[in-house]
């Protein structure tokens, strides 16, 4: 086994981004947490479903802030930026 610095750092795994809950995602996006949950169910924002709880395996959502940031940036540059958060779509 080599004791050179390069060999030591090569064994360190890359940093893994943690998932956050809908409350933290809502704070990041400046949305209400219920809006974040609704957009998740509708598939309009990047979200990862997680089964939890004993009540028929309730589905909750987890988010990666980097994915939400990319989504928000793409929405900012999109001509239809307001449609995902509108109350009702026609």
N, C-alpha and C. Protein backbone atom coordinates (compact mmCIF):
# COMPACT_ATOMS: atom_id res chain seq x y z
N UNK A 1 0.85 -1.18 0.00
CA UNK A 1 0.00 0.00 0.00
C UNK A 1 0.89 1.24 0.00
N UNK A 2 0.56 2.17 -0.81
CA UNK A 2 1.33 3.39 -0.94
C UNK A 2 0.89 4.40 0.11
N UNK A 3 1.86 5.17 0.62
CA UNK A 3 1.53 6.21 1.59
C UNK A 3 1.61 7.59 0.98
N UNK A 4 1.61 7.64 -0.35
CA UNK A 4 1.65 8.93 -1.02
C UNK A 4 0.29 9.62 -0.87
N UNK A 5 0.29 10.95 -0.80
CA UNK A 5 -0.98 11.68 -0.60
C UNK A 5 -2.03 11.38 -1.66
N UNK A 6 -1.63 11.19 -2.91
CA UNK A 6 -2.61 10.91 -3.97
C UNK A 6 -3.37 9.62 -3.69
N UNK A 7 -2.71 8.62 -3.18
CA UNK A 7 -3.36 7.34 -2.90
C UNK A 7 -4.36 7.48 -1.76
N UNK A 8 -4.06 8.33 -0.79
CA UNK A 8 -4.97 8.52 0.34
C UNK A 8 -6.25 9.22 -0.11
N UNK A 9 -6.12 10.29 -0.89
CA UNK A 9 -7.28 11.03 -1.34
C UNK A 9 -8.10 10.28 -2.37
N UNK A 10 -7.49 9.37 -3.10
CA UNK A 10 -8.24 8.59 -4.08
C UNK A 10 -9.22 7.64 -3.40
N UNK A 11 -8.93 7.26 -2.15
CA UNK A 11 -9.81 6.34 -1.43
C UNK A 11 -10.99 7.04 -0.78
N UNK A 12 -10.98 8.36 -0.69
CA UNK A 12 -12.07 9.11 -0.07
C UNK A 12 -13.21 9.24 -1.07
N UNK A 13 -14.41 8.78 -0.71
CA UNK A 13 -15.54 8.88 -1.64
C UNK A 13 -15.96 10.34 -1.85
N UNK A 14 -16.54 10.64 -3.00
CA UNK A 14 -17.01 12.01 -3.23
C UNK A 14 -18.15 12.35 -2.28
N UNK A 15 -18.35 13.62 -2.03
CA UNK A 15 -19.41 14.07 -1.15
C UNK A 15 -20.77 13.77 -1.78
N UNK A 16 -21.65 13.21 -1.00
CA UNK A 16 -23.00 12.88 -1.47
C UNK A 16 -23.94 13.97 -0.97
N UNK A 17 -24.71 14.51 -1.88
CA UNK A 17 -25.67 15.56 -1.50
C UNK A 17 -26.83 14.94 -0.73
N UNK A 18 -27.17 15.51 0.41
CA UNK A 18 -28.29 14.96 1.18
C UNK A 18 -29.64 15.35 0.58
N UNK A 19 -30.63 14.54 0.86
CA UNK A 19 -32.00 14.87 0.48
C UNK A 19 -32.59 15.75 1.57
N UNK A 20 -33.51 16.63 1.19
CA UNK A 20 -34.19 17.48 2.16
C UNK A 20 -35.69 17.22 2.07
N UNK A 21 -36.42 17.60 3.11
CA UNK A 21 -37.87 17.42 3.13
C UNK A 21 -38.57 18.59 2.44
N UNK A 22 -39.88 18.50 2.35
CA UNK A 22 -40.65 19.51 1.63
C UNK A 22 -40.59 20.88 2.31
N UNK A 23 -40.44 20.89 3.63
CA UNK A 23 -40.35 22.18 4.34
C UNK A 23 -39.08 22.92 3.92
N UNK A 24 -37.95 22.21 3.88
CA UNK A 24 -36.68 22.84 3.49
C UNK A 24 -36.71 23.21 2.01
N UNK A 25 -37.30 22.36 1.17
CA UNK A 25 -37.42 22.67 -0.26
C UNK A 25 -38.27 23.91 -0.47
N UNK A 26 -39.35 24.04 0.31
CA UNK A 26 -40.22 25.21 0.20
C UNK A 26 -39.49 26.48 0.61
N UNK A 27 -38.68 26.40 1.65
CA UNK A 27 -37.88 27.56 2.06
C UNK A 27 -36.91 27.96 0.96
N UNK A 28 -36.28 26.96 0.34
CA UNK A 28 -35.30 27.22 -0.71
C UNK A 28 -35.95 27.89 -1.92
N UNK A 29 -37.15 27.43 -2.29
CA UNK A 29 -37.85 27.96 -3.46
C UNK A 29 -38.72 29.18 -3.14
N UNK A 30 -38.88 29.50 -1.87
CA UNK A 30 -39.77 30.57 -1.42
C UNK A 30 -41.22 30.27 -1.81
N UNK A 31 -41.61 29.00 -1.65
CA UNK A 31 -42.98 28.53 -1.88
C UNK A 31 -43.55 28.07 -0.54
N UNK A 32 -44.86 27.88 -0.51
CA UNK A 32 -45.50 27.22 0.61
C UNK A 32 -45.21 25.73 0.51
N UNK A 33 -45.07 25.04 1.65
CA UNK A 33 -44.75 23.61 1.60
C UNK A 33 -45.85 22.79 0.94
N UNK A 34 -47.10 23.21 1.08
CA UNK A 34 -48.21 22.50 0.40
C UNK A 34 -48.09 22.64 -1.12
N UNK A 35 -47.62 23.78 -1.59
CA UNK A 35 -47.41 23.98 -3.03
C UNK A 35 -46.31 23.06 -3.53
N UNK A 36 -45.25 22.94 -2.77
CA UNK A 36 -44.14 22.04 -3.14
C UNK A 36 -44.65 20.60 -3.22
N UNK A 37 -45.43 20.18 -2.25
CA UNK A 37 -45.98 18.82 -2.26
C UNK A 37 -46.90 18.60 -3.45
N UNK A 38 -47.74 19.58 -3.75
CA UNK A 38 -48.65 19.46 -4.90
C UNK A 38 -47.87 19.36 -6.20
N UNK A 39 -46.88 20.23 -6.38
CA UNK A 39 -46.06 20.19 -7.60
C UNK A 39 -45.30 18.87 -7.72
N UNK A 40 -44.94 18.30 -6.59
CA UNK A 40 -44.25 16.99 -6.60
C UNK A 40 -45.19 15.91 -7.09
N UNK A 41 -46.40 15.89 -6.55
CA UNK A 41 -47.40 14.89 -6.99
C UNK A 41 -47.71 15.02 -8.46
N UNK A 42 -47.72 16.26 -8.96
CA UNK A 42 -48.03 16.51 -10.37
C UNK A 42 -46.83 16.28 -11.28
N UNK A 43 -45.68 16.04 -10.71
CA UNK A 43 -44.48 15.80 -11.50
C UNK A 43 -43.90 17.06 -12.12
N UNK A 44 -44.20 18.21 -11.54
CA UNK A 44 -43.75 19.47 -12.13
C UNK A 44 -42.42 19.97 -11.56
N UNK A 45 -41.98 19.40 -10.45
CA UNK A 45 -40.67 19.75 -9.92
C UNK A 45 -39.90 18.45 -9.67
N UNK A 46 -38.57 18.52 -9.68
CA UNK A 46 -37.79 17.31 -9.42
C UNK A 46 -37.96 16.86 -7.97
N UNK A 47 -38.50 15.66 -7.79
CA UNK A 47 -38.77 15.13 -6.45
C UNK A 47 -38.58 13.62 -6.47
N UNK A 48 -38.27 13.08 -5.31
CA UNK A 48 -38.03 11.65 -5.17
C UNK A 48 -39.02 11.09 -4.16
N UNK A 49 -39.94 10.20 -4.60
CA UNK A 49 -40.92 9.65 -3.67
C UNK A 49 -40.28 8.67 -2.69
N UNK A 50 -40.73 8.74 -1.46
CA UNK A 50 -40.25 7.85 -0.41
C UNK A 50 -41.47 7.30 0.31
N UNK A 51 -41.54 5.98 0.45
CA UNK A 51 -42.64 5.38 1.20
C UNK A 51 -42.29 5.37 2.67
N UNK A 52 -43.21 5.86 3.50
CA UNK A 52 -42.94 5.91 4.93
C UNK A 52 -44.24 5.78 5.70
N UNK A 53 -44.12 5.54 6.96
CA UNK A 53 -45.29 5.47 7.82
C UNK A 53 -46.04 4.16 7.69
N UNK A 54 -46.92 3.92 8.65
CA UNK A 54 -47.67 2.68 8.65
C UNK A 54 -49.04 2.80 8.01
N UNK A 55 -49.47 4.00 7.70
CA UNK A 55 -50.81 4.19 7.11
C UNK A 55 -50.74 3.93 5.62
N UNK A 56 -50.89 2.68 5.25
CA UNK A 56 -50.88 2.26 3.86
C UNK A 56 -49.62 2.73 3.12
N UNK A 57 -48.51 2.72 3.83
CA UNK A 57 -47.24 3.14 3.24
C UNK A 57 -47.37 4.49 2.55
N UNK A 58 -47.62 5.49 3.33
CA UNK A 58 -47.80 6.86 2.86
C UNK A 58 -46.59 7.33 2.06
N UNK A 59 -46.85 8.01 0.96
CA UNK A 59 -45.77 8.53 0.12
C UNK A 59 -45.41 9.95 0.57
N UNK A 60 -44.14 10.15 0.82
CA UNK A 60 -43.63 11.48 1.09
C UNK A 60 -42.60 11.80 0.02
N UNK A 61 -42.11 13.00 0.02
CA UNK A 61 -41.18 13.44 -1.02
C UNK A 61 -39.90 13.96 -0.41
N UNK A 62 -38.82 13.71 -1.11
CA UNK A 62 -37.51 14.25 -0.74
C UNK A 62 -36.93 14.94 -1.97
N UNK A 63 -36.07 15.90 -1.71
CA UNK A 63 -35.57 16.77 -2.77
C UNK A 63 -34.07 16.96 -2.63
N UNK A 64 -33.42 17.22 -3.74
CA UNK A 64 -32.03 17.64 -3.74
C UNK A 64 -32.02 19.11 -4.14
N UNK A 65 -31.38 19.93 -3.31
CA UNK A 65 -31.39 21.37 -3.57
C UNK A 65 -30.74 21.71 -4.90
N UNK A 66 -29.75 20.94 -5.32
CA UNK A 66 -29.11 21.21 -6.62
C UNK A 66 -30.09 21.00 -7.77
N UNK A 67 -30.95 19.98 -7.66
CA UNK A 67 -31.95 19.74 -8.70
C UNK A 67 -33.01 20.84 -8.70
N UNK A 68 -33.41 21.28 -7.52
CA UNK A 68 -34.39 22.37 -7.43
C UNK A 68 -33.80 23.66 -7.98
N UNK A 69 -32.52 23.89 -7.73
CA UNK A 69 -31.86 25.08 -8.24
C UNK A 69 -31.83 25.06 -9.77
N UNK A 70 -31.47 23.90 -10.35
CA UNK A 70 -31.48 23.77 -11.82
C UNK A 70 -32.89 24.00 -12.36
N UNK A 71 -33.89 23.43 -11.70
CA UNK A 71 -35.27 23.60 -12.14
C UNK A 71 -35.67 25.07 -12.09
N UNK A 72 -35.33 25.75 -10.99
CA UNK A 72 -35.69 27.16 -10.84
C UNK A 72 -34.97 28.01 -11.90
N UNK A 73 -33.71 27.70 -12.18
CA UNK A 73 -32.98 28.44 -13.20
C UNK A 73 -33.61 28.24 -14.57
N UNK A 74 -34.02 27.02 -14.88
CA UNK A 74 -34.64 26.76 -16.19
C UNK A 74 -36.00 27.44 -16.29
N UNK A 75 -36.72 27.53 -15.18
CA UNK A 75 -38.02 28.21 -15.16
C UNK A 75 -37.83 29.70 -15.38
N UNK A 76 -36.77 30.24 -14.81
CA UNK A 76 -36.50 31.67 -14.93
C UNK A 76 -36.22 32.04 -16.39
N UNK A 77 -35.60 31.13 -17.13
CA UNK A 77 -35.25 31.39 -18.52
C UNK A 77 -36.30 30.92 -19.51
N UNK A 78 -37.41 30.37 -19.00
CA UNK A 78 -38.46 29.82 -19.86
C UNK A 78 -39.56 30.86 -20.11
N UNK A 79 -40.11 30.89 -21.34
CA UNK A 79 -41.20 31.83 -21.62
C UNK A 79 -42.49 31.48 -20.89
N UNK A 80 -42.66 30.23 -20.42
CA UNK A 80 -43.88 29.82 -19.71
C UNK A 80 -43.59 29.65 -18.22
N UNK A 81 -42.79 30.52 -17.66
CA UNK A 81 -42.32 30.37 -16.29
C UNK A 81 -43.42 30.34 -15.25
N UNK A 82 -44.54 30.99 -15.44
CA UNK A 82 -45.58 31.06 -14.43
C UNK A 82 -46.53 29.89 -14.41
N UNK A 83 -46.51 29.00 -15.37
CA UNK A 83 -47.54 27.98 -15.47
C UNK A 83 -47.48 26.93 -14.39
N UNK A 84 -46.32 26.59 -13.84
CA UNK A 84 -46.25 25.53 -12.83
C UNK A 84 -46.87 25.95 -11.51
N UNK A 85 -46.90 27.23 -11.22
CA UNK A 85 -47.42 27.66 -9.94
C UNK A 85 -48.78 28.32 -10.04
N UNK A 86 -49.37 28.31 -11.22
CA UNK A 86 -50.68 28.92 -11.37
C UNK A 86 -51.72 28.05 -10.65
N UNK A 87 -52.77 28.66 -10.10
CA UNK A 87 -53.77 27.90 -9.35
C UNK A 87 -54.45 26.79 -10.15
N UNK A 88 -54.85 27.11 -11.36
CA UNK A 88 -55.50 26.10 -12.20
C UNK A 88 -55.02 26.29 -13.63
N UNK A 89 -54.74 25.14 -14.25
CA UNK A 89 -54.35 25.20 -15.66
C UNK A 89 -55.57 24.97 -16.52
N UNK A 90 -55.64 25.66 -17.62
CA UNK A 90 -56.80 25.54 -18.52
C UNK A 90 -56.58 24.48 -19.56
